[in-house]
C-alpha atoms as a PDB file:
ATOM      1  CA  MET A   1      13.135   4.518  -8.084  1.00  0.00           C
ATOM      2  CA  SER A   2      14.253   6.714  -5.978  1.00  0.00           C
ATOM      3  CA  LYS A   3      12.385   9.227  -3.155  1.00  0.00           C
ATOM      4  CA  SER A   4      12.464  12.144  -5.743  1.00  0.00           C
ATOM      5  CA  MET A   5      10.474  10.454  -8.265  1.00  0.00           C
ATOM      6  CA  LEU A   6       7.643   9.959  -5.598  1.00  0.00           C
ATOM      7  CA  ASP A   7       8.089  13.718  -5.049  1.00  0.00           C
ATOM      8  CA  HIS A   8       7.419  14.576  -8.972  1.00  0.00           C
ATOM      9  CA  THR A   9       4.831  12.099  -9.125  1.00  0.00           C
ATOM     10  CA  LYS A  10       2.862  14.335  -6.182  1.00  0.00           C
ATOM     11  CA  ASN A  11       3.987  17.359  -8.076  1.00  0.00           C
ATOM     12  CA  VAL A  12       2.539  16.360 -10.971  1.00  0.00           C
ATOM     13  CA  LEU A  13      -0.597  15.007  -9.852  1.00  0.00           C
ATOM     14  CA  LYS A  14      -1.159  18.350  -8.264  1.00  0.00           C
ATOM     15  CA  ARG A  15      -0.757  20.379 -11.048  1.00  0.00           C
ATOM     16  CA  VAL A  16      -3.077  18.054 -13.349  1.00  0.00           C
ATOM     17  CA  SER A  17      -5.816  17.963 -10.319  1.00  0.00           C
ATOM     18  CA  PHE A  18      -8.013  20.376 -12.044  1.00  0.00           C
ATOM     19  CA  ASP A  19      -8.716  17.698 -14.787  1.00  0.00           C
ATOM     20  CA  VAL A  20     -10.014  14.201 -13.721  1.00  0.00           C
ATOM     21  CA  SER A  21      -9.107  12.397 -17.262  1.00  0.00           C
ATOM     22  CA  LEU A  22      -5.312  13.968 -17.114  1.00  0.00           C
ATOM     23  CA  PHE A  23      -5.430  12.923 -13.075  1.00  0.00           C
ATOM     24  CA  SER A  24      -6.308   9.454 -14.040  1.00  0.00           C
ATOM     25  CA  LYS A  25      -3.735   8.897 -16.498  1.00  0.00           C
ATOM     26  CA  GLU A  26      -1.113  10.308 -14.440  1.00  0.00           C
ATOM     27  CA  LEU A  27      -1.954   8.393 -11.824  1.00  0.00           C
ATOM     28  CA  GLU A  28      -1.751   5.266 -14.102  1.00  0.00           C
ATOM     29  CA  LYS A  29       1.659   5.777 -15.158  1.00  0.00           C
ATOM     30  CA  ALA A  30       2.766   6.346 -11.491  1.00  0.00           C
ATOM     31  CA  CYS A  31       1.327   3.110 -10.675  1.00  0.00           C
ATOM     32  CA  LYS A  32       3.587   1.476 -13.404  1.00  0.00           C
ATOM     33  CA  VAL A  33       6.729   3.033 -12.368  1.00  0.00           C
ATOM     34  CA  LEU A  34       6.830   3.224  -8.738  1.00  0.00           C
ATOM     35  CA  LEU A  35       7.883   0.551  -6.504  1.00  0.00           C
ATOM     36  CA  PRO A  36       5.493  -0.991  -3.953  1.00  0.00           C
ATOM     37  CA  PHE A  37       6.619   0.953  -0.981  1.00  0.00           C
ATOM     38  CA  GLU A  38       6.307   4.070  -2.767  1.00  0.00           C
ATOM     39  CA  LEU A  39       2.643   3.047  -3.944  1.00  0.00           C
ATOM     40  CA  GLU A  40       1.768   2.853  -0.170  1.00  0.00           C
ATOM     41  CA  GLU A  41       3.010   6.300   0.369  1.00  0.00           C
ATOM     42  CA  LEU A  42       1.129   7.721  -2.700  1.00  0.00           C
ATOM     43  CA  ALA A  43      -1.840   5.913  -1.827  1.00  0.00           C
ATOM     44  CA  SER A  44      -1.858   7.569   2.106  1.00  0.00           C
ATOM     45  CA  TRP A  45      -1.090  11.021   0.352  1.00  0.00           C
ATOM     46  CA  LEU A  46      -3.865  10.601  -2.370  1.00  0.00           C
ATOM     47  CA  SER A  47      -6.354   9.466   0.233  1.00  0.00           C
ATOM     48  CA  LYS A  48      -5.672  13.290   1.761  1.00  0.00           C
ATOM     49  CA  PHE A  49      -5.319  15.006  -1.245  1.00  0.00           C
ATOM     50  CA  ILE A  50      -8.709  14.097  -3.024  1.00  0.00           C
ATOM     51  CA  LYS A  51     -10.636  14.509   0.507  1.00  0.00           C
ATOM     52  CA  GLU A  52     -11.689  17.996  -0.543  1.00  0.00           C
ATOM     53  CA  LYS A  53     -11.900  17.217  -4.292  1.00  0.00           C
ATOM     54  CA  PRO A  54     -15.024  14.694  -4.718  1.00  0.00           C
ATOM     55  CA  GLU A  55     -14.536  14.512  -8.544  1.00  0.00           C
ATOM     56  CA  LEU A  56     -11.394  12.973  -7.717  1.00  0.00           C
ATOM     57  CA  GLN A  57     -12.149  10.260  -5.306  1.00  0.00           C
ATOM     58  CA  HIS A  58     -12.813   7.202  -7.737  1.00  0.00           C
ATOM     59  CA  CYS A  59      -9.175   7.655  -8.628  1.00  0.00           C
ATOM     60  CA  MET A  60      -8.129   5.702  -5.336  1.00  0.00           C
ATOM     61  CA  LEU A  61      -9.762   2.504  -7.240  1.00  0.00           C
ATOM     62  CA  LEU A  62      -6.599   2.753  -9.485  1.00  0.00           C
ATOM     63  CA  ILE A  63      -4.043   2.993  -6.865  1.00  0.00           C
ATOM     64  CA  ASN A  64      -5.879   0.335  -4.462  1.00  0.00           C
ATOM     65  CA  ASN A  65      -6.144  -2.104  -7.422  1.00  0.00           C
ATOM     66  CA  LYS A  66      -2.463  -2.117  -8.111  1.00  0.00           C
END
């Protein structure tokens, strides 16, 4: 996968962040297709992104378990 796939994933997650269930599903999909180094970068981005969104904080478990 290219850098653009990671960027695409971030954009999708931003757009669906209003819905916890949808956000979780998209994050799970990303975990299946992104390369390990991309997942690390996504985890770093995610921890910053959800800082102000307590309803999404449990989603870190999804990515940390990969």
